């Protein structure tokens, strides 16, 4: 820590007139895995006064290539993208230089419109987080109303991959994760099946919004509301949902999205998540265009749509036909090693469901086989990553992307001047 602190103090005290002076040099080692376009962080101590004006460069055979970067003050990290392919057991060299020169980087933009927080890149929509209440179609009971979910979620080519309020499940809302069978003081509460009117999950307010060269996103407070506890509804869980979209650049045919949910119960006795095939984690109701004849599932353990349900995996490729030029689009869902019951169990709808149509639902479901006791005022987190793509995704590519998430390359300071 003393070593890094001396580096930071040097950076703070450098004047803008000192051009092209190396403030710190560091290397990134790929480790045991090949790397491709993955986020990397350099740890820094507490950033009380900022670090002045600087530029990140990569040093390639004494040639310096400017790169965008972004400070994450909350977590004391400098973030950047390890661009392109990096072979395993190799290192790349970087430096921070004192300069007032700025990158001309196209950022992922945040816009609040029509009750949603929308994220776009170069006018191409990525996803919408719906924070205002969405009501069901005319003639459907209003109890199916909902806020706090991701929809639409788009492929890079503009294909909408999510669906809400399907007639077979009006309580399905794009990408979301309410808990299904739970018990509060011995009483059953279902936050998932809105038609049962036992509970729901709703947006409360935004805690943070960030827009920068490397990532943009938000943190929203969502309340898990128990309808039947007393004469008044009460909060059984407070959830902080953080969604972060990484800027891979204009030429990449994918979106990279982190989805982190942190929960805490204010209840004296906490809450019990029963073991059940649905609930929590991250759920995905796919577009109505997808059915048994034009979709596929492949998991890290080699299971497909016929065999994946109830099994566990590090990652799962969920994809199907689209109207993009590539003709296919999908989402690679990735679980994190620290998650409950990792590698996580999954719920994948049977191929003969929905009257034989075979619509697609996927979920990482940590309580599929084992109950989970949430103690009072104790925080629990689940972390997921989604790679949203057009075209095809191989198992080898999926594994490479998961390793970037689960075992990211390390940045190590090599010198300060």
Protein backbone atom coordinates (compact mmCIF):
# COMPACT_ATOMS: atom_id res chain seq x y z
CA UNK A 1 0.00 0.00 0.00
CA UNK A 2 2.89 2.41 0.86
CA UNK A 3 4.38 1.75 -2.59
CA UNK A 4 1.14 2.51 -4.42
CA UNK A 5 0.48 5.55 -2.23
CA UNK A 6 3.82 7.05 -3.25
CA UNK A 7 2.80 6.58 -6.87
CA UNK A 8 -0.51 8.35 -6.28
CA UNK A 9 1.13 11.29 -4.50
CA UNK A 10 3.49 11.73 -7.41
CA UNK A 11 0.58 11.76 -9.85
CA UNK A 12 -1.30 14.34 -7.78
CA UNK A 13 1.69 16.70 -7.62
CA UNK A 14 2.59 16.63 -11.31
CA UNK A 15 1.71 19.90 -13.06
CA UNK A 16 0.00 19.98 -16.43
CA UNK A 17 3.11 21.55 -17.96
CA UNK A 18 5.07 18.33 -17.45
CA UNK A 19 4.17 16.63 -20.73
CA UNK A 20 4.75 12.96 -21.60
CA UNK A 21 6.37 12.17 -18.27
CA UNK A 22 5.73 8.62 -17.09
CA UNK A 23 3.90 8.78 -13.79
CA UNK A 24 3.70 5.04 -13.39
CA UNK A 25 4.29 2.01 -15.58
CA UNK A 26 2.56 -1.34 -15.20
CA UNK A 27 2.05 -4.61 -16.99
CA UNK A 28 -0.94 -6.85 -17.59
CA UNK A 29 -0.28 -10.58 -17.60
CA UNK A 30 -2.79 -12.78 -19.40
CA UNK A 31 -2.11 -15.66 -17.05
CA UNK A 32 -3.15 -19.17 -18.05
CA UNK A 33 -5.86 -18.10 -20.50
CA UNK A 34 -6.11 -16.45 -23.90
CA UNK A 35 -7.81 -13.05 -23.64
CA UNK A 36 -10.11 -11.13 -25.97
CA UNK A 37 -11.42 -7.58 -25.42
CA UNK A 38 -11.74 -7.82 -21.64
CA UNK A 39 -12.03 -5.14 -18.94
CA UNK A 40 -8.95 -4.77 -16.73
CA UNK A 41 -8.44 -2.72 -13.58
CA UNK A 42 -5.42 -1.22 -11.87
CA UNK A 43 -5.86 -0.94 -8.12
CA UNK A 44 -5.28 2.50 -6.59
CA UNK A 45 -5.50 3.80 -3.00
CA UNK A 46 -8.19 6.22 -1.84
CA UNK A 47 -8.65 8.98 -4.43
CA UNK A 48 -9.35 11.95 -2.20
CA UNK A 49 -7.98 14.70 -4.44
CA UNK A 50 -8.12 13.08 -7.86
CA UNK A 51 -5.00 12.28 -9.88
CA UNK A 52 -4.72 15.34 -12.07
CA UNK A 53 -4.67 15.14 -15.85
CA UNK A 54 -3.16 12.02 -17.35
CA UNK A 55 -3.28 9.72 -20.36
CA UNK A 56 -3.10 5.93 -20.50
CA UNK A 57 -0.79 4.54 -23.18
CA UNK A 58 0.23 1.05 -24.26
CA UNK A 59 3.91 0.62 -24.98
CA UNK A 60 4.51 -1.60 -28.01
CA UNK A 61 8.16 -1.84 -29.12
CA UNK A 62 8.82 1.70 -27.84
CA UNK A 63 5.77 3.01 -29.68
CA UNK A 64 3.06 4.52 -27.47
CA UNK A 65 -0.57 4.01 -28.34
CA UNK A 66 -3.11 6.18 -26.54
CA UNK A 67 -5.98 4.34 -24.87
CA UNK A 68 -9.16 5.48 -23.09
CA UNK A 69 -9.48 4.81 -19.36
CA UNK A 70 -11.84 5.62 -16.51
CA UNK A 71 -11.48 6.10 -12.77
CA UNK A 72 -13.91 4.19 -10.55
CA UNK A 73 -13.65 6.30 -7.38
CA UNK A 74 -16.02 4.09 -5.38
CA UNK A 75 -13.83 1.02 -5.80
CA UNK A 76 -10.47 2.83 -6.14
CA UNK A 77 -9.67 1.42 -9.56
CA UNK A 78 -8.50 2.61 -12.97
CA UNK A 79 -10.37 0.70 -15.69
CA UNK A 80 -9.52 0.11 -19.35
CA UNK A 81 -10.14 -2.49 -22.04
CA UNK A 82 -7.40 -4.97 -22.92
CA UNK A 83 -8.16 -4.52 -26.59
CA UNK A 84 -7.93 -7.35 -29.12
CA UNK A 85 -6.42 -10.78 -28.57
CA UNK A 86 -3.79 -11.51 -25.90
CA UNK A 87 -2.18 -14.95 -25.80
CA UNK A 88 -1.91 -16.84 -22.53
CA UNK A 89 1.30 -16.49 -20.51
CA UNK A 90 2.16 -13.20 -22.22
CA UNK A 91 2.31 -9.64 -20.88
CA UNK A 92 1.51 -6.19 -22.26
CA UNK A 93 3.11 -2.97 -21.06
CA UNK A 94 1.32 0.27 -20.12
CA UNK A 95 2.03 3.68 -18.63
CA UNK A 96 0.19 6.67 -17.23
CA UNK A 97 1.70 9.90 -18.54
CA UNK A 98 1.12 13.45 -17.34
CA UNK A 99 -0.70 15.36 -20.06
CA UNK A 100 -3.73 17.56 -20.58
CA UNK A 101 -4.50 15.90 -23.91
CA UNK A 102 -7.89 14.24 -23.98
CA UNK A 103 -9.18 11.18 -25.82
CA UNK A 104 -11.93 11.68 -28.32
CA UNK A 105 -13.84 8.60 -27.19
CA UNK A 106 -17.44 7.86 -28.11
CA UNK A 107 -19.21 7.09 -24.84
CA UNK A 108 -22.19 4.89 -24.08
CA UNK A 109 -24.85 7.49 -23.38
CA UNK A 110 -27.57 7.53 -20.72
CA UNK A 111 -30.98 9.05 -21.41
CA UNK A 112 -34.17 8.98 -19.36
CA UNK A 113 -37.20 8.79 -21.64
CA UNK A 114 -40.71 7.35 -21.52
CA UNK A 115 -40.27 6.06 -17.98
CA UNK A 116 -37.05 4.23 -18.78
CA UNK A 117 -33.33 4.75 -18.40
CA UNK A 118 -31.95 4.02 -21.86
CA UNK A 119 -28.34 3.26 -22.74
CA UNK A 120 -27.17 3.76 -26.33
CA UNK A 121 -23.90 3.73 -28.27
CA UNK A 122 -23.55 5.89 -31.39
CA UNK A 123 -27.36 6.11 -31.49
CA UNK A 124 -27.66 2.31 -31.38
CA UNK A 125 -29.86 1.17 -28.46
CA UNK A 126 -28.38 -1.35 -26.03
CA UNK A 127 -30.99 -1.73 -23.31
CA UNK A 128 -33.70 0.03 -21.33
CA UNK A 129 -34.23 -0.17 -17.57
CA UNK A 130 -37.91 0.55 -16.93
CA UNK A 131 -38.25 2.52 -13.72
CA UNK A 132 -41.79 3.81 -14.15
CA UNK A 133 -44.73 1.46 -13.70
CA UNK A 134 -45.69 -0.64 -16.72
CA UNK A 135 -49.31 -1.74 -16.82
CA UNK A 136 -50.64 -4.91 -18.46
CA UNK A 137 -52.59 -4.84 -21.74
CA UNK A 138 -56.18 -3.66 -21.73
CA UNK A 139 -58.50 -6.28 -20.27
CA UNK A 140 -55.77 -7.90 -18.13
CA UNK A 141 -55.91 -7.52 -14.35
CA UNK A 142 -53.87 -4.55 -13.13
CA UNK A 143 -52.22 -6.74 -10.48
CA UNK A 144 -49.67 -7.69 -13.18
CA UNK A 145 -48.22 -4.16 -13.25
CA UNK A 146 -44.46 -3.90 -12.72
CA UNK A 147 -41.43 -1.62 -12.63
CA UNK A 148 -37.72 -2.36 -12.25
CA UNK A 149 -36.73 -4.63 -15.17
CA UNK A 150 -34.64 -4.67 -18.35
CA UNK A 151 -36.63 -4.40 -21.59
CA UNK A 152 -36.08 -3.97 -24.44
CA UNK A 153 -32.62 -5.51 -24.60
CA UNK A 154 -31.15 -5.25 -28.09
CA UNK A 155 -28.53 -7.13 -30.06
CA UNK A 156 -25.82 -4.98 -31.70
CA UNK A 157 -27.77 -5.24 -34.96
CA UNK A 158 -30.94 -3.90 -33.34
CA UNK A 159 -32.82 -7.16 -32.73
CA UNK A 160 -35.01 -7.06 -29.60
CA UNK A 161 -34.17 -10.17 -27.57
CA UNK A 162 -36.48 -9.75 -24.56
CA UNK A 163 -40.23 -10.01 -24.07
CA UNK A 164 -42.63 -8.80 -21.38
CA UNK A 165 -46.21 -9.69 -20.43
CA UNK A 166 -46.49 -12.77 -22.64
CA UNK A 167 -50.10 -14.04 -22.59
CA UNK A 168 -48.91 -17.34 -21.11
CA UNK A 169 -47.04 -15.51 -18.30
CA UNK A 170 -48.14 -11.91 -17.77
CA UNK A 171 -45.70 -11.66 -14.87
CA UNK A 172 -42.63 -12.19 -17.11
CA UNK A 173 -40.60 -9.00 -17.60
CA UNK A 174 -37.61 -9.23 -19.93
CA UNK A 175 -34.54 -9.70 -17.74
CA UNK A 176 -35.33 -9.62 -14.01
CA UNK A 177 -34.98 -11.74 -10.86
CA UNK A 178 -37.69 -11.81 -8.16
CA UNK A 179 -37.59 -14.63 -5.59
CA UNK A 180 -40.42 -17.13 -5.91
CA UNK A 181 -41.03 -19.45 -2.94
CA UNK A 182 -39.91 -17.71 0.24
CA UNK A 183 -40.91 -17.74 3.90
CA UNK A 184 -41.10 -14.77 6.26
CA UNK A 185 -41.65 -15.82 9.89
CA UNK A 186 -43.04 -19.10 8.61
CA UNK A 187 -45.49 -17.48 6.18
CA UNK A 188 -45.16 -18.07 2.40
CA UNK A 189 -44.45 -15.02 0.23
CA UNK A 190 -44.09 -15.14 -3.58
CA UNK A 191 -42.51 -12.08 -5.20
CA UNK A 192 -42.48 -13.65 -8.70
CA UNK A 193 -46.03 -14.76 -9.51
CA UNK A 194 -47.78 -11.40 -9.44
CA UNK A 195 -51.16 -13.01 -10.02
CA UNK A 196 -51.05 -14.53 -6.54
CA UNK A 197 -50.81 -11.03 -5.01
CA UNK A 198 -48.43 -12.09 -2.25
CA UNK A 199 -45.63 -9.69 -3.18
CA UNK A 200 -43.79 -7.81 -5.90
CA UNK A 201 -40.50 -6.06 -6.69
CA UNK A 202 -40.63 -2.37 -7.65
CA UNK A 203 -38.19 0.41 -8.48
CA UNK A 204 -37.69 2.92 -5.63
CA UNK A 205 -35.01 5.37 -6.79
CA UNK A 206 -31.62 5.68 -8.48
CA UNK A 207 -28.57 5.58 -6.23
CA UNK A 208 -25.97 6.30 -8.89
CA UNK A 209 -25.50 6.98 -12.61
CA UNK A 210 -22.13 6.92 -14.36
CA UNK A 211 -21.11 7.77 -17.92
CA UNK A 212 -17.50 7.49 -19.06
CA UNK A 213 -15.06 6.33 -21.70
CA UNK A 214 -14.87 2.72 -20.46
CA UNK A 215 -18.26 2.03 -18.90
CA UNK A 216 -21.63 3.60 -18.34
CA UNK A 217 -24.41 2.41 -16.10
CA UNK A 218 -26.53 2.89 -13.02
CA UNK A 219 -27.43 1.54 -9.61
CA UNK A 220 -31.12 1.33 -8.73
CA UNK A 221 -32.76 0.61 -5.39
CA UNK A 222 -35.54 -1.96 -5.75
CA UNK A 223 -37.93 -2.94 -2.98
CA UNK A 224 -39.24 -6.48 -2.49
CA UNK A 225 -42.67 -5.79 -1.01
CA UNK A 226 -44.56 -8.26 1.16
CA UNK A 227 -48.31 -7.69 0.74
CA UNK A 228 -49.62 -9.91 3.52
CA UNK A 229 -47.55 -9.31 6.62
CA UNK A 230 -49.72 -6.74 8.42
CA UNK A 231 -52.43 -4.25 7.60
CA UNK A 232 -49.80 -2.35 5.62
CA UNK A 233 -47.35 -3.67 3.05
CA UNK A 234 -43.79 -3.93 4.28
CA UNK A 235 -40.33 -4.20 2.73
CA UNK A 236 -38.91 -7.72 3.02
CA UNK A 237 -35.77 -7.04 1.00
CA UNK A 238 -33.89 -4.00 -0.22
CA UNK A 239 -32.01 -4.67 -3.45
CA UNK A 240 -29.32 -2.60 -5.11
CA UNK A 241 -29.22 -3.52 -8.79
CA UNK A 242 -26.09 -2.33 -10.59
CA UNK A 243 -25.99 -2.51 -14.39
CA UNK A 244 -22.71 -1.62 -16.09
CA UNK A 245 -22.09 -1.64 -19.87
CA UNK A 246 -18.49 -1.84 -21.05
CA UNK A 247 -17.39 0.20 -24.05
CA UNK A 248 -15.68 -2.29 -26.39
CA UNK A 249 -15.49 0.22 -29.25
CA UNK A 250 -17.28 0.83 -32.52
CA UNK A 251 -15.97 -2.18 -34.44
CA UNK A 252 -17.02 -4.90 -31.97
CA UNK A 253 -20.13 -6.90 -32.80
CA UNK A 254 -21.25 -7.31 -29.19
CA UNK A 255 -22.44 -5.58 -26.03
CA UNK A 256 -20.83 -6.50 -22.70
CA UNK A 257 -23.13 -5.99 -19.67
CA UNK A 258 -22.50 -6.63 -15.96
CA UNK A 259 -25.57 -7.28 -13.79
CA UNK A 260 -24.95 -7.26 -10.03
CA UNK A 261 -27.69 -7.64 -7.44
CA UNK A 262 -27.05 -7.00 -3.73
CA UNK A 263 -29.82 -7.77 -1.24
CA UNK A 264 -30.38 -7.06 2.44
CA UNK A 265 -33.38 -7.81 4.62
CA UNK A 266 -34.50 -5.23 7.23
CA UNK A 267 -36.71 -7.84 8.92
CA UNK A 268 -35.79 -8.97 12.42
CA UNK A 269 -35.75 -12.65 11.47
CA UNK A 270 -34.64 -12.19 7.89
CA UNK A 271 -36.17 -14.28 5.11
CA UNK A 272 -35.81 -17.85 3.84
CA UNK A 273 -35.52 -18.58 0.10
CA UNK A 274 -36.97 -22.06 -0.36
CA UNK A 275 -35.35 -24.49 -2.76
CA UNK A 276 -37.37 -24.22 -5.98
CA UNK A 277 -36.84 -24.40 -9.74
CA UNK A 278 -37.56 -20.66 -10.21
CA UNK A 279 -36.42 -17.60 -8.34
CA UNK A 280 -33.77 -14.93 -7.94
CA UNK A 281 -30.53 -14.98 -9.88
CA UNK A 282 -31.10 -13.60 -13.36
CA UNK A 283 -34.09 -14.61 -15.50
CA UNK A 284 -34.54 -14.10 -19.26
CA UNK A 285 -37.82 -14.35 -21.16
CA UNK A 286 -36.81 -14.44 -24.80
CA UNK A 287 -38.42 -12.73 -27.76
CA UNK A 288 -41.68 -14.15 -29.11
CA UNK A 289 -39.83 -14.86 -32.39
CA UNK A 290 -37.96 -17.71 -30.75
CA UNK A 291 -39.39 -21.23 -30.49
CA UNK A 292 -38.26 -24.85 -30.47
CA UNK A 293 -37.35 -24.88 -34.16
CA UNK A 294 -35.07 -21.83 -34.28
CA UNK A 295 -33.24 -21.65 -30.93
CA UNK A 296 -30.39 -23.43 -29.21
CA UNK A 297 -28.83 -23.68 -25.75
CA UNK A 298 -25.26 -24.71 -24.95
CA UNK A 299 -23.76 -24.72 -21.45
CA UNK A 300 -20.19 -24.88 -20.19
CA UNK A 301 -20.80 -28.52 -19.28
CA UNK A 302 -21.93 -29.42 -22.80
CA UNK A 303 -25.68 -29.58 -22.13
CA UNK A 304 -28.20 -28.39 -24.72
CA UNK A 305 -31.84 -27.32 -24.57
CA UNK A 306 -32.99 -30.90 -24.07
CA UNK A 307 -30.64 -31.63 -21.16
CA UNK A 308 -29.68 -28.30 -19.51
CA UNK A 309 -32.65 -27.86 -17.16
CA UNK A 310 -31.67 -28.58 -13.57
CA UNK A 311 -27.96 -28.89 -14.33
CA UNK A 312 -25.27 -26.40 -13.28
CA UNK A 313 -22.89 -24.34 -15.38
CA UNK A 314 -20.39 -21.48 -15.42
CA UNK A 315 -21.94 -20.10 -18.59
CA UNK A 316 -24.76 -20.72 -21.03
CA UNK A 317 -25.20 -19.59 -24.65
CA UNK A 318 -28.86 -18.78 -25.37
CA UNK A 319 -29.42 -17.91 -29.03
CA UNK A 320 -31.88 -17.99 -31.88
CA UNK A 321 -32.92 -16.71 -35.29
CA UNK A 322 -32.94 -12.95 -35.90
CA UNK A 323 -33.48 -10.46 -38.68
CA UNK A 324 -29.93 -9.14 -38.45
CA UNK A 325 -27.58 -9.59 -41.40
CA UNK A 326 -25.93 -12.48 -39.52
CA UNK A 327 -29.29 -14.23 -39.15
CA UNK A 328 -28.67 -15.25 -35.52
CA UNK A 329 -28.46 -13.35 -32.22
CA UNK A 330 -28.12 -14.33 -28.59
CA UNK A 331 -26.83 -13.79 -25.08
CA UNK A 332 -23.94 -15.53 -23.35
CA UNK A 333 -24.92 -15.61 -19.65
CA UNK A 334 -21.99 -15.93 -17.24
CA UNK A 335 -22.00 -16.63 -13.49
CA UNK A 336 -19.31 -15.47 -11.07
CA UNK A 337 -17.23 -17.84 -8.89
CA UNK A 338 -18.33 -16.12 -5.66
CA UNK A 339 -22.03 -16.58 -6.42
CA UNK A 340 -24.20 -18.82 -4.26
CA UNK A 341 -24.01 -22.46 -5.44
CA UNK A 342 -21.55 -21.68 -8.26
CA UNK A 343 -21.45 -23.20 -10.84
CA UNK A 344 -25.11 -22.29 -10.72
CA UNK A 345 -28.15 -24.45 -11.38
CA UNK A 346 -30.38 -23.38 -14.26
CA UNK A 347 -34.02 -23.40 -15.25
CA UNK A 348 -34.51 -23.95 -18.98
CA UNK A 349 -38.03 -24.43 -20.29
CA UNK A 350 -38.81 -27.79 -21.91
CA UNK A 351 -38.78 -27.80 -25.66
CA UNK A 352 -42.42 -28.99 -25.86
CA UNK A 353 -43.77 -26.23 -23.60
CA UNK A 354 -46.27 -23.49 -24.45
CA UNK A 355 -48.64 -25.83 -26.22
CA UNK A 356 -45.81 -27.37 -28.21
CA UNK A 357 -44.43 -24.03 -29.45
CA UNK A 358 -41.36 -24.27 -27.28
CA UNK A 359 -40.90 -20.63 -26.24
CA UNK A 360 -37.61 -19.99 -24.45
CA UNK A 361 -37.05 -19.04 -20.82
CA UNK A 362 -33.63 -19.25 -19.12
CA UNK A 363 -32.55 -18.54 -15.57
CA UNK A 364 -29.51 -18.92 -13.36
CA UNK A 365 -31.27 -20.05 -10.19
CA UNK A 366 -29.01 -20.40 -7.11
CA UNK A 367 -31.80 -21.86 -4.96
CA UNK A 368 -32.81 -24.53 -7.49
CA UNK A 369 -31.64 -27.36 -5.23
CA UNK A 370 -30.67 -25.75 -1.89
CA UNK A 371 -32.55 -23.26 0.30
CA UNK A 372 -30.85 -19.99 1.27
CA UNK A 373 -31.33 -18.26 4.61
CA UNK A 374 -30.99 -14.47 4.40
CA UNK A 375 -30.06 -13.15 7.83
CA UNK A 376 -31.31 -9.79 9.06
CA UNK A 377 -29.31 -6.74 7.90
CA UNK A 378 -26.62 -8.82 6.22
CA UNK A 379 -25.70 -8.12 2.58
CA UNK A 380 -25.58 -10.85 -0.05
CA UNK A 381 -24.55 -10.40 -3.69
CA UNK A 382 -24.87 -12.20 -7.00
CA UNK A 383 -22.80 -11.09 -9.98
CA UNK A 384 -23.49 -11.93 -13.62
CA UNK A 385 -22.15 -10.87 -17.00
CA UNK A 386 -23.94 -10.94 -20.35
CA UNK A 387 -22.26 -10.86 -23.75
CA UNK A 388 -24.99 -9.89 -26.22
CA UNK A 389 -24.06 -10.78 -29.78
CA UNK A 390 -25.09 -11.23 -33.40
CA UNK A 391 -23.84 -14.21 -35.40
CA UNK A 392 -22.52 -17.42 -33.85
CA UNK A 393 -20.83 -18.09 -30.51
CA UNK A 394 -18.61 -21.14 -30.06
CA UNK A 395 -17.92 -22.94 -26.80
CA UNK A 396 -14.26 -21.90 -27.08
CA UNK A 397 -15.22 -18.23 -27.40
CA UNK A 398 -17.67 -18.51 -24.51
CA UNK A 399 -14.99 -20.02 -22.28
CA UNK A 400 -12.57 -17.23 -23.16
CA UNK A 401 -15.14 -14.58 -22.25
CA UNK A 402 -15.99 -16.37 -19.00
CA UNK A 403 -12.33 -16.54 -17.99
CA UNK A 404 -12.11 -12.76 -18.52
CA UNK A 405 -14.99 -12.45 -16.05
CA UNK A 406 -14.21 -15.19 -13.54
CA UNK A 407 -10.39 -15.03 -13.72
CA UNK A 408 -9.52 -11.58 -15.09
CA UNK A 409 -5.93 -10.73 -16.05
CA UNK A 410 -3.87 -8.92 -13.42
CA UNK A 411 -2.36 -5.44 -13.67
CA UNK A 412 0.84 -4.99 -11.68
CA UNK A 413 2.83 -1.76 -11.16
CA UNK A 414 6.41 -2.14 -12.41
CA UNK A 415 7.87 1.31 -11.72
CA UNK A 416 7.22 4.91 -10.73
CA UNK A 417 9.37 7.90 -11.62
